[in-house]
Amino acid sequence: MLFIEYPKCSTCKKAKKFLDDNKESYVDRDIVKDNPTKEELRLWIKKSGKDIQKFFNTSGMKYRELNLKDTLKKLDFEAKLDILASDGMLVKRPLLIMDEYILIGFKKDEWDKIL
């Protein structure tokens, strides 16, 4: 499993504790130091079956600074993907990347069910 996090994020810390408490093995990746590439994001979005919008950190400062709430409505998938890949702080986190599942954000019930 690949665990993508922002180390200062309290939700990411909870998710990491959950993985550790459940003795799950994972590779840890800092989303700011090693931002997901456009191709990684494309693959994960497709694999997740979710809309690209779910991958945006809509509560983040960067999202608000760029006024993406209104801007994204006017853009196609490729343009949204370009924006998402431009800055790790725009990506919803944590992300847990597995062979069959992609978990976006930390929802304990969902993680319990999948893991």
C-alpha atoms as a PDB file:
ATOM      1  CA  MET A   1       0.000   0.000   0.000  1.00  0.00           C
ATOM      2  CA  LEU A   2       1.055   3.544  -0.668  1.00  0.00           C
ATOM      3  CA  PHE A   3       0.061   6.058   2.011  1.00  0.00           C
ATOM      4  CA  ILE A   4       0.190   9.637   0.756  1.00  0.00           C
ATOM      5  CA  GLU A   5       0.018  12.255   3.462  1.00  0.00           C
ATOM      6  CA  TYR A   6       0.832  15.762   4.543  1.00  0.00           C
ATOM      7  CA  PRO A   7       2.721  15.100   7.806  1.00  0.00           C
ATOM      8  CA  LYS A   8       1.323  18.199   9.576  1.00  0.00           C
ATOM      9  CA  CYS A   9      -2.303  17.238   8.788  1.00  0.00           C
ATOM     10  CA  SER A  10      -4.211  15.971  11.837  1.00  0.00           C
ATOM     11  CA  THR A  11      -6.444  13.721   9.711  1.00  0.00           C
ATOM     12  CA  CYS A  12      -3.368  12.166   8.116  1.00  0.00           C
ATOM     13  CA  LYS A  13      -1.932  11.524  11.579  1.00  0.00           C
ATOM     14  CA  LYS A  14      -5.158   9.741  12.598  1.00  0.00           C
ATOM     15  CA  ALA A  15      -5.072   7.642   9.435  1.00  0.00           C
ATOM     16  CA  LYS A  16      -1.423   6.729   9.985  1.00  0.00           C
ATOM     17  CA  LYS A  17      -2.163   5.731  13.590  1.00  0.00           C
ATOM     18  CA  PHE A  18      -5.049   3.598  12.316  1.00  0.00           C
ATOM     19  CA  LEU A  19      -2.714   1.797   9.889  1.00  0.00           C
ATOM     20  CA  ASP A  20      -0.055   1.318  12.556  1.00  0.00           C
ATOM     21  CA  ASP A  21      -2.566   0.127  15.182  1.00  0.00           C
ATOM     22  CA  ASN A  22      -3.889  -2.412  12.671  1.00  0.00           C
ATOM     23  CA  LYS A  23      -0.349  -3.502  11.779  1.00  0.00           C
ATOM     24  CA  GLU A  24      -0.812  -2.644   8.106  1.00  0.00           C
ATOM     25  CA  SER A  25       2.393  -2.292   6.106  1.00  0.00           C
ATOM     26  CA  TYR A  26       2.660   0.690   3.797  1.00  0.00           C
ATOM     27  CA  VAL A  27       5.060   2.987   2.040  1.00  0.00           C
ATOM     28  CA  ASP A  28       4.801   6.565   3.329  1.00  0.00           C
ATOM     29  CA  ARG A  29       4.980   9.511   0.929  1.00  0.00           C
ATOM     30  CA  ASP A  30       4.901  13.228   1.737  1.00  0.00           C
ATOM     31  CA  ILE A  31       2.498  14.891  -0.706  1.00  0.00           C
ATOM     32  CA  VAL A  32       4.391  18.190  -0.641  1.00  0.00           C
ATOM     33  CA  LYS A  33       7.903  16.789  -1.134  1.00  0.00           C
ATOM     34  CA  ASP A  34       6.728  14.204  -3.686  1.00  0.00           C
ATOM     35  CA  ASN A  35       3.566  15.529  -5.337  1.00  0.00           C
ATOM     36  CA  PRO A  36       1.580  12.947  -7.327  1.00  0.00           C
ATOM     37  CA  THR A  37       2.241  13.246 -11.042  1.00  0.00           C
ATOM     38  CA  LYS A  38      -0.431  13.863 -13.620  1.00  0.00           C
ATOM     39  CA  GLU A  39      -0.188  10.247 -14.797  1.00  0.00           C
ATOM     40  CA  GLU A  40      -0.423   8.855 -11.242  1.00  0.00           C
ATOM     41  CA  LEU A  41      -3.481  10.979 -10.572  1.00  0.00           C
ATOM     42  CA  ARG A  42      -5.074   9.928 -13.867  1.00  0.00           C
ATOM     43  CA  LEU A  43      -4.576   6.254 -12.974  1.00  0.00           C
ATOM     44  CA  TRP A  44      -5.853   6.655  -9.402  1.00  0.00           C
ATOM     45  CA  ILE A  45      -8.925   8.622 -10.447  1.00  0.00           C
ATOM     46  CA  LYS A  46      -9.806   5.989 -13.028  1.00  0.00           C
ATOM     47  CA  LYS A  47      -9.173   3.132 -10.595  1.00  0.00           C
ATOM     48  CA  SER A  48     -11.242   4.799  -7.851  1.00  0.00           C
ATOM     49  CA  GLY A  49     -14.284   5.224 -10.083  1.00  0.00           C
ATOM     50  CA  LYS A  50     -14.835   8.607  -8.447  1.00  0.00           C
ATOM     51  CA  ASP A  51     -15.152  12.027 -10.018  1.00  0.00           C
ATOM     52  CA  ILE A  52     -11.927  14.044 -10.184  1.00  0.00           C
ATOM     53  CA  GLN A  53     -13.605  16.615  -7.908  1.00  0.00           C
ATOM     54  CA  LYS A  54     -13.280  14.139  -4.999  1.00  0.00           C
ATOM     55  CA  PHE A  55      -9.494  14.383  -5.288  1.00  0.00           C
ATOM     56  CA  PHE A  56      -9.398  18.122  -4.610  1.00  0.00           C
ATOM     57  CA  ASN A  57      -8.705  19.382  -1.093  1.00  0.00           C
ATOM     58  CA  THR A  58     -11.693  21.738  -1.102  1.00  0.00           C
ATOM     59  CA  SER A  59     -11.062  22.896   2.459  1.00  0.00           C
ATOM     60  CA  GLY A  60      -7.463  23.895   1.789  1.00  0.00           C
ATOM     61  CA  MET A  61      -6.118  27.428   1.706  1.00  0.00           C
ATOM     62  CA  LYS A  62      -4.585  26.952  -1.740  1.00  0.00           C
ATOM     63  CA  TYR A  63      -7.966  25.831  -3.154  1.00  0.00           C
ATOM     64  CA  ARG A  64      -9.606  28.987  -1.813  1.00  0.00           C
ATOM     65  CA  GLU A  65      -6.733  31.269  -2.889  1.00  0.00           C
ATOM     66  CA  LEU A  66      -7.088  30.062  -6.467  1.00  0.00           C
ATOM     67  CA  ASN A  67     -10.895  30.374  -6.335  1.00  0.00           C
ATOM     68  CA  LEU A  68     -11.165  26.826  -7.650  1.00  0.00           C
ATOM     69  CA  LYS A  69     -14.750  26.359  -6.506  1.00  0.00           C
ATOM     70  CA  ASP A  70     -15.911  28.504  -9.429  1.00  0.00           C
ATOM     71  CA  THR A  71     -13.001  27.913 -11.807  1.00  0.00           C
ATOM     72  CA  LEU A  72     -13.242  24.100 -11.873  1.00  0.00           C
ATOM     73  CA  LYS A  73     -16.860  24.207 -13.077  1.00  0.00           C
ATOM     74  CA  LYS A  74     -15.659  25.659 -16.380  1.00  0.00           C
ATOM     75  CA  LEU A  75     -12.775  23.251 -17.021  1.00  0.00           C
ATOM     76  CA  ASP A  76     -12.536  19.867 -18.700  1.00  0.00           C
ATOM     77  CA  PHE A  77     -10.945  16.792 -17.116  1.00  0.00           C
ATOM     78  CA  GLU A  78      -7.449  17.442 -18.519  1.00  0.00           C
ATOM     79  CA  ALA A  79      -7.356  21.028 -17.270  1.00  0.00           C
ATOM     80  CA  LYS A  80      -8.506  19.902 -13.817  1.00  0.00           C
ATOM     81  CA  LEU A  81      -5.834  17.206 -13.836  1.00  0.00           C
ATOM     82  CA  ASP A  82      -3.161  19.783 -14.706  1.00  0.00           C
ATOM     83  CA  ILE A  83      -4.215  21.933 -11.733  1.00  0.00           C
ATOM     84  CA  LEU A  84      -4.371  18.962  -9.371  1.00  0.00           C
ATOM     85  CA  ALA A  85      -0.883  17.805 -10.368  1.00  0.00           C
ATOM     86  CA  SER A  86       0.570  21.290  -9.978  1.00  0.00           C
ATOM     87  CA  ASP A  87       0.611  21.370  -6.155  1.00  0.00           C
ATOM     88  CA  GLY A  88       0.328  18.622  -3.532  1.00  0.00           C
ATOM     89  CA  MET A  89      -1.602  20.960  -1.251  1.00  0.00           C
ATOM     90  CA  LEU A  90      -4.498  20.859  -3.739  1.00  0.00           C
ATOM     91  CA  VAL A  91      -4.859  17.086  -3.389  1.00  0.00           C
ATOM     92  CA  LYS A  92      -7.256  15.645  -0.811  1.00  0.00           C
ATOM     93  CA  ARG A  93      -5.404  13.616   1.745  1.00  0.00           C
ATOM     94  CA  PRO A  94      -4.603  11.179   3.006  1.00  0.00           C
ATOM     95  CA  LEU A  95      -4.695   8.899  -0.011  1.00  0.00           C
ATOM     96  CA  LEU A  96      -4.310   5.166   0.422  1.00  0.00           C
ATOM     97  CA  ILE A  97      -3.394   3.482  -2.838  1.00  0.00           C
ATOM     98  CA  MET A  98      -3.911  -0.279  -3.007  1.00  0.00           C
ATOM     99  CA  ASP A  99      -4.068  -2.762  -5.864  1.00  0.00           C
ATOM    100  CA  GLU A 100      -7.866  -2.794  -5.955  1.00  0.00           C
ATOM    101  CA  TYR A 101      -8.919   0.294  -3.991  1.00  0.00           C
ATOM    102  CA  ILE A 102      -8.137   3.969  -3.648  1.00  0.00           C
ATOM    103  CA  LEU A 103      -9.225   5.564  -0.368  1.00  0.00           C
ATOM    104  CA  ILE A 104      -9.534   9.347  -0.384  1.00  0.00           C
ATOM    105  CA  GLY A 105      -9.514  11.099   2.981  1.00  0.00           C
ATOM    106  CA  PHE A 106      -9.812   9.223   6.256  1.00  0.00           C
ATOM    107  CA  LYS A 107     -13.213   7.786   7.067  1.00  0.00           C
ATOM    108  CA  LYS A 108     -12.619   5.153   9.737  1.00  0.00           C
ATOM    109  CA  ASP A 109     -15.688   3.075   8.852  1.00  0.00           C
ATOM    110  CA  GLU A 110     -14.679   2.912   5.193  1.00  0.00           C
ATOM    111  CA  TRP A 111     -11.073   2.035   6.062  1.00  0.00           C
ATOM    112  CA  ASP A 112     -12.260  -0.665   8.516  1.00  0.00           C
ATOM    113  CA  LYS A 113     -14.409  -2.230   5.804  1.00  0.00           C
ATOM    114  CA  ILE A 114     -11.736  -2.179   3.066  1.00  0.00           C
ATOM    115  CA  LEU A 115      -8.772  -3.154   5.240  1.00  0.00           C
END
